[in-house]
Amino acid sequence: MRGAGLILAATAALAGLAMASAGLAAPGPRGKAPAARPVTFTLPEETIPEDLADAEGEAVVNHCTACHSLEYLVTQPRGKGAQFWKDEVAKMVNVYKAPIEPADAEAVAAVLARKFG
């Protein structure tokens, strides 16, 4: 048991050193954690991939990017067939409540089937 106590103490000491080197304060009085500081991230601008850059791809870009990145869309496995894409779009609408009108959902599924199989 004594060895486990030493390991625990060493781990706590290393965690304190890591926090100090990262500029984070150690817990304050009574074990309260320090206040969180805001962090800002700058994301790169998303460009429209060549597969979706035409007029036909506009339906996919306009509807799918509310939840998905365009990179995610174009890296999906190819050759799944039209029924796969119809089912995927239906799942997005029915299960995940994607706000797409039925006619638009059909158009999106058709474009995905033509472009990605």
Protein backbone atom coordinates (compact mmCIF):
# COMPACT_ATOMS: atom_id res chain seq x y z
CA MET A 1 0.00 0.00 0.00
CA ARG A 2 2.86 2.36 0.75
CA GLY A 3 4.05 2.11 -2.89
CA ALA A 4 0.59 3.06 -4.16
CA GLY A 5 0.63 6.14 -1.93
CA LEU A 6 4.00 7.20 -3.33
CA ILE A 7 2.78 6.72 -6.89
CA LEU A 8 -0.30 8.80 -6.13
CA ALA A 9 1.78 11.58 -4.58
CA ALA A 10 4.19 11.56 -7.51
CA THR A 11 1.31 11.70 -9.99
CA ALA A 12 -0.23 14.66 -8.16
CA ALA A 13 3.12 16.45 -8.11
CA LEU A 14 3.61 15.91 -11.86
CA ALA A 15 0.08 17.11 -12.56
CA GLY A 16 0.79 20.26 -10.55
CA LEU A 17 4.00 20.86 -12.50
CA ALA A 18 2.18 20.33 -15.80
CA MET A 19 -0.53 22.80 -14.79
CA ALA A 20 2.06 25.35 -13.68
CA SER A 21 4.05 25.02 -16.91
CA ALA A 22 0.84 25.46 -18.92
CA GLY A 23 0.08 28.66 -17.02
CA LEU A 24 -2.83 27.15 -15.13
CA ALA A 25 -3.25 27.89 -11.47
CA ALA A 26 -3.38 25.10 -8.94
CA PRO A 27 -6.67 24.61 -7.09
CA GLY A 28 -7.41 27.44 -4.69
CA PRO A 29 -8.45 27.31 -1.06
CA ARG A 30 -10.70 24.46 -0.03
CA GLY A 31 -9.86 22.60 -3.24
CA LYS A 32 -11.90 24.86 -5.52
CA ALA A 33 -10.78 24.87 -9.12
CA PRO A 34 -9.59 28.15 -10.61
CA ALA A 35 -11.98 30.05 -12.84
CA ALA A 36 -11.90 28.98 -16.46
CA ARG A 37 -10.43 31.34 -19.02
CA PRO A 38 -11.95 31.71 -22.49
CA VAL A 39 -10.13 30.07 -25.36
CA THR A 40 -10.41 31.27 -28.94
CA PHE A 41 -9.88 29.04 -31.96
CA THR A 42 -9.55 30.25 -35.53
CA LEU A 43 -10.84 27.66 -37.97
CA PRO A 44 -9.80 27.62 -41.61
CA GLU A 45 -12.28 28.80 -44.20
CA GLU A 46 -14.15 25.89 -45.70
CA THR A 47 -13.95 25.68 -49.46
CA ILE A 48 -16.40 23.80 -51.62
CA PRO A 49 -14.83 20.55 -52.88
CA GLU A 50 -14.70 20.05 -56.63
CA ASP A 51 -17.27 17.22 -56.39
CA LEU A 52 -19.87 19.67 -55.06
CA ALA A 53 -18.80 22.92 -56.74
CA ASP A 54 -21.32 22.78 -59.60
CA ALA A 55 -24.98 23.85 -59.70
CA GLU A 56 -26.13 20.30 -58.97
CA GLY A 57 -24.02 20.14 -55.79
CA GLU A 58 -25.61 23.33 -54.48
CA ALA A 59 -28.53 21.40 -52.93
CA VAL A 60 -26.10 19.27 -50.94
CA VAL A 61 -24.01 22.26 -49.88
CA ASN A 62 -27.07 24.26 -48.80
CA HIS A 63 -28.78 21.50 -46.84
CA CYS A 64 -26.10 19.19 -45.49
CA THR A 65 -23.63 21.73 -44.14
CA ALA A 66 -25.95 22.69 -41.29
CA CYS A 67 -24.63 19.55 -39.58
CA HIS A 68 -21.76 18.18 -41.70
CA SER A 69 -18.54 19.59 -43.06
CA LEU A 70 -18.14 19.38 -46.81
CA GLU A 71 -14.96 17.37 -46.26
CA TYR A 72 -17.01 14.78 -44.37
CA LEU A 73 -19.48 14.54 -47.23
CA VAL A 74 -16.92 13.93 -49.96
CA THR A 75 -15.01 11.31 -47.98
CA GLN A 76 -17.96 8.93 -47.71
CA PRO A 77 -17.48 5.49 -49.29
CA ARG A 78 -18.28 5.38 -52.99
CA GLY A 79 -20.53 2.94 -54.79
CA LYS A 80 -23.22 2.41 -52.13
CA GLY A 81 -26.03 3.02 -54.61
CA ALA A 82 -29.08 5.24 -54.83
CA GLN A 83 -31.06 3.39 -52.16
CA PHE A 84 -28.25 3.89 -49.64
CA TRP A 85 -28.34 7.66 -50.18
CA LYS A 86 -32.15 7.77 -50.02
CA ASP A 87 -32.01 5.91 -46.71
CA GLU A 88 -29.23 8.13 -45.35
CA VAL A 89 -31.09 11.34 -46.18
CA ALA A 90 -34.33 9.87 -44.77
CA LYS A 91 -32.45 9.03 -41.56
CA MET A 92 -31.17 12.60 -41.31
CA VAL A 93 -34.70 13.95 -41.69
CA ASN A 94 -36.66 11.38 -39.65
CA VAL A 95 -34.21 10.48 -36.89
CA TYR A 96 -32.04 13.57 -36.55
CA LYS A 97 -34.77 16.04 -37.58
CA ALA A 98 -32.81 17.75 -40.35
CA PRO A 99 -34.98 20.68 -41.48
CA ILE A 100 -35.32 19.67 -45.13
CA GLU A 101 -38.51 19.71 -47.16
CA PRO A 102 -39.40 16.34 -48.77
CA ALA A 103 -38.72 17.58 -52.31
CA ASP A 104 -35.34 18.94 -51.27
CA ALA A 105 -34.50 15.69 -49.46
CA GLU A 106 -35.21 13.76 -52.65
CA ALA A 107 -33.02 16.14 -54.64
CA VAL A 108 -30.16 15.83 -52.14
CA ALA A 109 -30.36 12.03 -52.18
CA ALA A 110 -30.40 12.01 -56.00
CA VAL A 111 -27.34 14.28 -56.21
CA LEU A 112 -25.43 12.21 -53.66
CA ALA A 113 -26.30 9.03 -55.56
CA ARG A 114 -25.15 10.49 -58.89
CA LYS A 115 -21.95 11.97 -57.52
CA PHE A 116 -20.89 9.34 -55.03
CA GLY A 117 -22.73 6.24 -56.20
